[in-house]
Amino acid sequence: MVQLYLRDRVASLARPVIELKGFRRVHLQPGEETDVSFDLGSTDLRMLDENLRWVVEPGVFDVMIGSSSKDLRLRGELVVK
């Protein structure tokens, strides 16, 4: 299983440390490889503000990929302006 997690580095309100935003089940034979991709949209980045409205705040999001939240093997960042 491949899992995609996001972390908002600086949010105006408290958010989870990391949030699961996608996953794919991948079945491979020994030695076999494949590419896995995820599409992220505004709904993946949004949060409820203090007035209970959906907003996407500008800032930096950490993007993490692994087999679980305890086994994150790839890391990157996404900047929202």
PDB file of N, CA and C in Angstrom:
ATOM      1  N   MET A   1       0.840  -1.168   0.000  1.00  0.00           N
ATOM      2  CA  MET A   1       0.000   0.000   0.000  1.00  0.00           C
ATOM      3  C   MET A   1       0.892   1.241   0.000  1.00  0.00           C
ATOM      4  N   VAL A   2       0.527   2.217  -0.805  1.00  0.00           N
ATOM      5  CA  VAL A   2       1.213   3.498  -0.860  1.00  0.00           C
ATOM      6  C   VAL A   2       0.256   4.547  -0.320  1.00  0.00           C
ATOM      7  N   GLN A   3       0.720   5.347   0.653  1.00  0.00           N
ATOM      8  CA  GLN A   3      -0.133   6.342   1.296  1.00  0.00           C
ATOM      9  C   GLN A   3       0.468   7.726   1.142  1.00  0.00           C
ATOM     10  N   LEU A   4      -0.401   8.728   0.947  1.00  0.00           N
ATOM     11  CA  LEU A   4      -0.003  10.121   0.793  1.00  0.00           C
ATOM     12  C   LEU A   4      -0.508  10.919   1.989  1.00  0.00           C
ATOM     13  N   TYR A   5       0.397  11.630   2.631  1.00  0.00           N
ATOM     14  CA  TYR A   5       0.061  12.448   3.792  1.00  0.00           C
ATOM     15  C   TYR A   5       0.454  13.900   3.535  1.00  0.00           C
ATOM     16  N   LEU A   6      -0.318  14.826   4.125  1.00  0.00           N
ATOM     17  CA  LEU A   6      -0.007  16.244   4.088  1.00  0.00           C
ATOM     18  C   LEU A   6       0.093  16.788   5.496  1.00  0.00           C
ATOM     19  N   ARG A   7       0.947  17.803   5.649  1.00  0.00           N
ATOM     20  CA  ARG A   7       1.066  18.526   6.913  1.00  0.00           C
ATOM     21  C   ARG A   7       1.147  20.006   6.584  1.00  0.00           C
ATOM     22  N   ASP A   8       0.237  20.789   7.159  1.00  0.00           N
ATOM     23  CA  ASP A   8       0.256  22.239   6.999  1.00  0.00           C
ATOM     24  C   ASP A   8       1.248  22.785   8.017  1.00  0.00           C
ATOM     25  N   ARG A   9       2.341  23.381   7.548  1.00  0.00           N
ATOM     26  CA  ARG A   9       3.386  23.828   8.474  1.00  0.00           C
ATOM     27  C   ARG A   9       2.917  24.925   9.429  1.00  0.00           C
ATOM     28  N   VAL A  10       2.150  25.902   8.903  1.00  0.00           N
ATOM     29  CA  VAL A  10       1.686  27.007   9.745  1.00  0.00           C
ATOM     30  C   VAL A  10       0.234  27.317   9.386  1.00  0.00           C
ATOM     31  N   ALA A  11      -0.692  26.821  10.174  1.00  0.00           N
ATOM     32  CA  ALA A  11      -2.114  27.092   9.948  1.00  0.00           C
ATOM     33  C   ALA A  11      -2.604  28.090  10.999  1.00  0.00           C
ATOM     34  N   SER A  12      -3.643  28.842  10.651  1.00  0.00           N
ATOM     35  CA  SER A  12      -4.185  29.822  11.594  1.00  0.00           C
ATOM     36  C   SER A  12      -4.939  29.146  12.736  1.00  0.00           C
ATOM     37  N   LEU A  13      -5.395  27.933  12.512  1.00  0.00           N
ATOM     38  CA  LEU A  13      -6.082  27.141  13.537  1.00  0.00           C
ATOM     39  C   LEU A  13      -5.386  25.790  13.672  1.00  0.00           C
ATOM     40  N   ALA A  14      -5.608  25.129  14.780  1.00  0.00           N
ATOM     41  CA  ALA A  14      -4.992  23.814  15.007  1.00  0.00           C
ATOM     42  C   ALA A  14      -5.475  22.813  13.957  1.00  0.00           C
ATOM     43  N   ARG A  15      -4.533  22.058  13.425  1.00  0.00           N
ATOM     44  CA  ARG A  15      -4.834  20.989  12.472  1.00  0.00           C
ATOM     45  C   ARG A  15      -4.095  19.746  12.923  1.00  0.00           C
ATOM     46  N   PRO A  16      -4.489  18.586  12.405  1.00  0.00           N
ATOM     47  CA  PRO A  16      -3.753  17.359  12.732  1.00  0.00           C
ATOM     48  C   PRO A  16      -2.283  17.483  12.325  1.00  0.00           C
ATOM     49  N   VAL A  17      -1.427  16.778  13.012  1.00  0.00           N
ATOM     50  CA  VAL A  17       0.002  16.818  12.701  1.00  0.00           C
ATOM     51  C   VAL A  17       0.230  16.381  11.255  1.00  0.00           C
ATOM     52  N   ILE A  18      -0.376  15.264  10.853  1.00  0.00           N
ATOM     53  CA  ILE A  18      -0.385  14.851   9.449  1.00  0.00           C
ATOM     54  C   ILE A  18      -1.775  14.336   9.120  1.00  0.00           C
ATOM     55  N   GLU A  19      -2.147  14.478   7.850  1.00  0.00           N
ATOM     56  CA  GLU A  19      -3.462  14.034   7.395  1.00  0.00           C
ATOM     57  C   GLU A  19      -3.301  13.099   6.199  1.00  0.00           C
ATOM     58  N   LEU A  20      -3.945  11.944   6.258  1.00  0.00           N
ATOM     59  CA  LEU A  20      -3.968  11.014   5.131  1.00  0.00           C
ATOM     60  C   LEU A  20      -4.857  11.609   4.042  1.00  0.00           C
ATOM     61  N   LYS A  21      -4.299  11.785   2.847  1.00  0.00           N
ATOM     62  CA  LYS A  21      -5.055  12.386   1.749  1.00  0.00           C
ATOM     63  C   LYS A  21      -5.252  11.452   0.568  1.00  0.00           C
ATOM     64  N   GLY A  22      -4.604  10.305   0.585  1.00  0.00           N
ATOM     65  CA  GLY A  22      -4.807   9.363  -0.506  1.00  0.00           C
ATOM     66  C   GLY A  22      -4.039   8.083  -0.266  1.00  0.00           C
ATOM     67  N   PHE A  23      -4.495   7.025  -0.904  1.00  0.00           N
ATOM     68  CA  PHE A  23      -3.764   5.757  -0.827  1.00  0.00           C
ATOM     69  C   PHE A  23      -4.070   4.924  -2.057  1.00  0.00           C
ATOM     70  N   ARG A  24      -3.150   4.058  -2.383  1.00  0.00           N
ATOM     71  CA  ARG A  24      -3.311   3.123  -3.500  1.00  0.00           C
ATOM     72  C   ARG A  24      -2.825   1.755  -3.059  1.00  0.00           C
ATOM     73  N   ARG A  25      -3.591   0.738  -3.377  1.00  0.00           N
ATOM     74  CA  ARG A  25      -3.138  -0.636  -3.169  1.00  0.00           C
ATOM     75  C   ARG A  25      -2.348  -1.038  -4.404  1.00  0.00           C
ATOM     76  N   VAL A  26      -1.170  -1.533  -4.160  1.00  0.00           N
ATOM     77  CA  VAL A  26      -0.293  -1.933  -5.257  1.00  0.00           C
ATOM     78  C   VAL A  26       0.176  -3.358  -4.979  1.00  0.00           C
ATOM     79  N   HIS A  27      -0.054  -4.235  -5.944  1.00  0.00           N
ATOM     80  CA  HIS A  27       0.376  -5.626  -5.809  1.00  0.00           C
ATOM     81  C   HIS A  27       1.525  -5.855  -6.780  1.00  0.00           C
ATOM     82  N   LEU A  28       2.690  -6.165  -6.240  1.00  0.00           N
ATOM     83  CA  LEU A  28       3.876  -6.383  -7.060  1.00  0.00           C
ATOM     84  C   LEU A  28       4.481  -7.752  -6.786  1.00  0.00           C
ATOM     85  N   GLN A  29       5.073  -8.300  -7.808  1.00  0.00           N
ATOM     86  CA  GLN A  29       5.842  -9.527  -7.667  1.00  0.00           C
ATOM     87  C   GLN A  29       7.244  -9.143  -7.190  1.00  0.00           C
ATOM     88  N   PRO A  30       7.979 -10.062  -6.599  1.00  0.00           N
ATOM     89  CA  PRO A  30       9.352  -9.755  -6.171  1.00  0.00           C
ATOM     90  C   PRO A  30      10.174  -9.175  -7.319  1.00  0.00           C
ATOM     91  N   GLY A  31      10.831  -8.035  -7.060  1.00  0.00           N
ATOM     92  CA  GLY A  31      11.654  -7.380  -8.062  1.00  0.00           C
ATOM     93  C   GLY A  31      10.894  -6.492  -9.034  1.00  0.00           C
ATOM     94  N   GLU A  32       9.587  -6.543  -9.003  1.00  0.00           N
ATOM     95  CA  GLU A  32       8.774  -5.745  -9.912  1.00  0.00           C
ATOM     96  C   GLU A  32       8.664  -4.305  -9.387  1.00  0.00           C
ATOM     97  N   GLU A  33       8.584  -3.340 -10.300  1.00  0.00           N
ATOM     98  CA  GLU A  33       8.438  -1.933  -9.952  1.00  0.00           C
ATOM     99  C   GLU A  33       7.260  -1.343 -10.707  1.00  0.00           C
ATOM    100  N   THR A  34       6.712  -0.247 -10.176  1.00  0.00           N
ATOM    101  CA  THR A  34       5.648   0.486 -10.857  1.00  0.00           C
ATOM    102  C   THR A  34       5.666   1.925 -10.386  1.00  0.00           C
ATOM    103  N   ASP A  35       5.039   2.785 -11.132  1.00  0.00           N
ATOM    104  CA  ASP A  35       4.873   4.181 -10.742  1.00  0.00           C
ATOM    105  C   ASP A  35       3.491   4.357 -10.135  1.00  0.00           C
ATOM    106  N   VAL A  36       3.405   5.180  -9.113  1.00  0.00           N
ATOM    107  CA  VAL A  36       2.132   5.511  -8.473  1.00  0.00           C
ATOM    108  C   VAL A  36       2.025   7.024  -8.451  1.00  0.00           C
ATOM    109  N   SER A  37       0.866   7.555  -8.820  1.00  0.00           N
ATOM    110  CA  SER A  37       0.687   9.005  -8.796  1.00  0.00           C
ATOM    111  C   SER A  37      -0.583   9.362  -8.034  1.00  0.00           C
ATOM    112  N   PHE A  38      -0.587  10.561  -7.514  1.00  0.00           N
ATOM    113  CA  PHE A  38      -1.737  11.109  -6.790  1.00  0.00           C
ATOM    114  C   PHE A  38      -2.046  12.484  -7.358  1.00  0.00           C
ATOM    115  N   ASP A  39      -3.326  12.817  -7.439  1.00  0.00           N
ATOM    116  CA  ASP A  39      -3.752  14.155  -7.823  1.00  0.00           C
ATOM    117  C   ASP A  39      -4.215  14.876  -6.569  1.00  0.00           C
ATOM    118  N   LEU A  40      -3.670  16.065  -6.328  1.00  0.00           N
ATOM    119  CA  LEU A  40      -4.093  16.880  -5.200  1.00  0.00           C
ATOM    120  C   LEU A  40      -4.848  18.090  -5.728  1.00  0.00           C
ATOM    121  N   GLY A  41      -5.951  18.407  -5.073  1.00  0.00           N
ATOM    122  CA  GLY A  41      -6.735  19.581  -5.443  1.00  0.00           C
ATOM    123  C   GLY A  41      -7.000  20.448  -4.232  1.00  0.00           C
ATOM    124  N   SER A  42      -7.751  21.498  -4.437  1.00  0.00           N
ATOM    125  CA  SER A  42      -8.029  22.431  -3.346  1.00  0.00           C
ATOM    126  C   SER A  42      -8.784  21.765  -2.201  1.00  0.00           C
ATOM    127  N   THR A  43      -9.594  20.779  -2.483  1.00  0.00           N
ATOM    128  CA  THR A  43     -10.320  20.104  -1.393  1.00  0.00           C
ATOM    129  C   THR A  43      -9.382  19.341  -0.476  1.00  0.00           C
ATOM    130  N   ASP A  44      -8.213  18.950  -0.975  1.00  0.00           N
ATOM    131  CA  ASP A  44      -7.235  18.251  -0.139  1.00  0.00           C
ATOM    132  C   ASP A  44      -6.487  19.207   0.781  1.00  0.00           C
ATOM    133  N   LEU A  45      -6.461  20.483   0.436  1.00  0.00           N
ATOM    134  CA  LEU A  45      -5.714  21.476   1.193  1.00  0.00           C
ATOM    135  C   LEU A  45      -6.605  22.327   2.095  1.00  0.00           C
ATOM    136  N   ARG A  46      -7.894  22.237   1.933  1.00  0.00           N
ATOM    137  CA  ARG A  46      -8.793  23.144   2.643  1.00  0.00           C
ATOM    138  C   ARG A  46      -8.983  22.764   4.107  1.00  0.00           C
ATOM    139  N   MET A  47      -9.458  23.753   4.857  1.00  0.00           N
ATOM    140  CA  MET A  47      -9.779  23.562   6.274  1.00  0.00           C
ATOM    141  C   MET A  47     -10.943  24.477   6.625  1.00  0.00           C
ATOM    142  N   LEU A  48     -11.588  24.183   7.723  1.00  0.00           N
ATOM    143  CA  LEU A  48     -12.651  25.067   8.208  1.00  0.00           C
ATOM    144  C   LEU A  48     -12.022  26.193   9.009  1.00  0.00           C
ATOM    145  N   ASP A  49     -12.395  27.441   8.680  1.00  0.00           N
ATOM    146  CA  ASP A  49     -11.860  28.567   9.434  1.00  0.00           C
ATOM    147  C   ASP A  49     -12.709  28.807  10.683  1.00  0.00           C
ATOM    148  N   GLU A  50     -12.403  29.891  11.403  1.00  0.00           N
ATOM    149  CA  GLU A  50     -13.107  30.171  12.656  1.00  0.00           C
ATOM    150  C   GLU A  50     -14.593  30.463  12.457  1.00  0.00           C
ATOM    151  N   ASN A  51     -15.002  30.780  11.214  1.00  0.00           N
ATOM    152  CA  ASN A  51     -16.415  31.013  10.899  1.00  0.00           C
ATOM    153  C   ASN A  51     -17.060  29.800  10.233  1.00  0.00           C
ATOM    154  N   LEU A  52     -16.381  28.668  10.310  1.00  0.00           N
ATOM    155  CA  LEU A  52     -16.836  27.399   9.734  1.00  0.00           C
ATOM    156  C   LEU A  52     -17.051  27.480   8.221  1.00  0.00           C
ATOM    157  N   ARG A  53     -16.146  28.215   7.560  1.00  0.00           N
ATOM    158  CA  ARG A  53     -16.133  28.289   6.101  1.00  0.00           C
ATOM    159  C   ARG A  53     -14.903  27.537   5.604  1.00  0.00           C
ATOM    160  N   TRP A  54     -15.062  26.857   4.470  1.00  0.00           N
ATOM    161  CA  TRP A  54     -13.926  26.163   3.878  1.00  0.00           C
ATOM    162  C   TRP A  54     -12.985  27.184   3.261  1.00  0.00           C
ATOM    163  N   VAL A  55     -11.708  27.101   3.610  1.00  0.00           N
ATOM    164  CA  VAL A  55     -10.690  27.997   3.059  1.00  0.00           C
ATOM    165  C   VAL A  55      -9.417  27.202   2.772  1.00  0.00           C
ATOM    166  N   VAL A  56      -8.646  27.701   1.822  1.00  0.00           N
ATOM    167  CA  VAL A  56      -7.301  27.196   1.580  1.00  0.00           C
ATOM    168  C   VAL A  56      -6.366  28.346   1.923  1.00  0.00           C
ATOM    169  N   GLU A  57      -5.596  28.175   2.968  1.00  0.00           N
ATOM    170  CA  GLU A  57      -4.686  29.226   3.401  1.00  0.00           C
ATOM    171  C   GLU A  57      -3.375  29.132   2.631  1.00  0.00           C
ATOM    172  N   PRO A  58      -2.780  30.279   2.317  1.00  0.00           N
ATOM    173  CA  PRO A  58      -1.457  30.233   1.682  1.00  0.00           C
ATOM    174  C   PRO A  58      -0.427  29.714   2.673  1.00  0.00           C
ATOM    175  N   GLY A  59       0.605  29.120   2.151  1.00  0.00           N
ATOM    176  CA  GLY A  59       1.664  28.606   3.009  1.00  0.00           C
ATOM    177  C   GLY A  59       2.313  27.368   2.427  1.00  0.00           C
ATOM    178  N   VAL A  60       3.109  26.711   3.251  1.00  0.00           N
ATOM    179  CA  VAL A  60       3.858  25.531   2.823  1.00  0.00           C
ATOM    180  C   VAL A  60       3.249  24.281   3.450  1.00  0.00           C
ATOM    181  N   PHE A  61       3.040  23.276   2.627  1.00  0.00           N
ATOM    182  CA  PHE A  61       2.559  21.976   3.070  1.00  0.00           C
ATOM    183  C   PHE A  61       3.667  20.958   2.852  1.00  0.00           C
ATOM    184  N   ASP A  62       3.919  20.116   3.833  1.00  0.00           N
ATOM    185  CA  ASP A  62       4.823  18.988   3.661  1.00  0.00           C
ATOM    186  C   ASP A  62       4.039  17.865   3.006  1.00  0.00           C
ATOM    187  N   VAL A  63       4.618  17.248   1.990  1.00  0.00           N
ATOM    188  CA  VAL A  63       4.025  16.106   1.292  1.00  0.00           C
ATOM    189  C   VAL A  63       4.883  14.896   1.638  1.00  0.00           C
ATOM    190  N   MET A  64       4.243  13.851   2.157  1.00  0.00           N
ATOM    191  CA  MET A  64       4.975  12.662   2.594  1.00  0.00           C
ATOM    192  C   MET A  64       4.310  11.415   2.012  1.00  0.00           C
ATOM    193  N   ILE A  65       5.130  10.494   1.552  1.00  0.00           N
ATOM    194  CA  ILE A  65       4.623   9.251   0.955  1.00  0.00           C
ATOM    195  C   ILE A  65       5.344   8.073   1.587  1.00  0.00           C
ATOM    196  N   GLY A  66       4.580   7.040   1.911  1.00  0.00           N
ATOM    197  CA  GLY A  66       5.159   5.836   2.483  1.00  0.00           C
ATOM    198  C   GLY A  66       4.147   4.728   2.558  1.00  0.00           C
ATOM    199  N   SER A  67       4.516   3.655   3.233  1.00  0.00           N
ATOM    200  CA  SER A  67       3.599   2.527   3.385  1.00  0.00           C
ATOM    201  C   SER A  67       2.682   2.707   4.596  1.00  0.00           C
ATOM    202  N   SER A  68       3.022   3.662   5.480  1.00  0.00           N
ATOM    203  CA  SER A  68       2.194   4.014   6.635  1.00  0.00           C
ATOM    204  C   SER A  68       2.705   5.337   7.191  1.00  0.00           C
ATOM    205  N   SER A  69       2.018   5.887   8.170  1.00  0.00           N
ATOM    206  CA  SER A  69       2.456   7.147   8.772  1.00  0.00           C
ATOM    207  C   SER A  69       3.753   6.972   9.562  1.00  0.00           C
ATOM    208  N   LYS A  70       4.088   5.736   9.894  1.00  0.00           N
ATOM    209  CA  LYS A  70       5.333   5.438  10.612  1.00  0.00           C
ATOM    210  C   LYS A  70       6.472   5.064   9.673  1.00  0.00           C
ATOM    211  N   ASP A  71       6.175   4.921   8.381  1.00  0.00           N
ATOM    212  CA  ASP A  71       7.178   4.501   7.397  1.00  0.00           C
ATOM    213  C   ASP A  71       7.122   5.440   6.190  1.00  0.00           C
ATOM    214  N   LEU A  72       7.498   6.704   6.397  1.00  0.00           N
ATOM    215  CA  LEU A  72       7.464   7.710   5.337  1.00  0.00           C
ATOM    216  C   LEU A  72       8.808   7.723   4.621  1.00  0.00           C
ATOM    217  N   ARG A  73       8.784   7.417   3.326  1.00  0.00           N
ATOM    218  CA  ARG A  73      10.036   7.237   2.585  1.00  0.00           C
ATOM    219  C   ARG A  73      10.364   8.385   1.647  1.00  0.00           C
ATOM    220  N   LEU A  74       9.358   9.124   1.230  1.00  0.00           N
ATOM    221  CA  LEU A  74       9.563  10.265   0.331  1.00  0.00           C
ATOM    222  C   LEU A  74       8.967  11.509   0.972  1.00  0.00           C
ATOM    223  N   ARG A  75       9.676  12.637   0.840  1.00  0.00           N
ATOM    224  CA  ARG A  75       9.196  13.896   1.406  1.00  0.00           C
ATOM    225  C   ARG A  75       9.426  15.015   0.393  1.00  0.00           C
ATOM    226  N   GLY A  76       8.514  15.943   0.379  1.00  0.00           N
ATOM    227  CA  GLY A  76       8.639  17.119  -0.470  1.00  0.00           C
ATOM    228  C   GLY A  76       7.797  18.235   0.109  1.00  0.00           C
ATOM    229  N   GLU A  77       7.681  19.316  -0.609  1.00  0.00           N
ATOM    230  CA  GLU A  77       6.850  20.402  -0.132  1.00  0.00           C
ATOM    231  C   GLU A  77       6.034  20.982  -1.266  1.00  0.00           C
ATOM    232  N   LEU A  78       4.911  21.546  -0.898  1.00  0.00           N
ATOM    233  CA  LEU A  78       3.978  22.172  -1.816  1.00  0.00           C
ATOM    234  C   LEU A  78       3.717  23.566  -1.283  1.00  0.00           C
ATOM    235  N   VAL A  79       3.912  24.577  -2.120  1.00  0.00           N
ATOM    236  CA  VAL A  79       3.712  25.962  -1.700  1.00  0.00           C
ATOM    237  C   VAL A  79       2.422  26.477  -2.301  1.00  0.00           C
ATOM    238  N   VAL A  80       1.529  26.999  -1.463  1.00  0.00           N
ATOM    239  CA  VAL A  80       0.263  27.580  -1.896  1.00  0.00           C
ATOM    240  C   VAL A  80       0.385  29.092  -1.746  1.00  0.00           C
ATOM    241  N   LYS A  81       0.147  29.811  -2.827  1.00  0.00           N
ATOM    242  CA  LYS A  81       0.248  31.280  -2.791  1.00  0.00           C
ATOM    243  C   LYS A  81      -1.115  31.910  -2.788  1.00  0.00           C
TER     244      LYS A  81
END
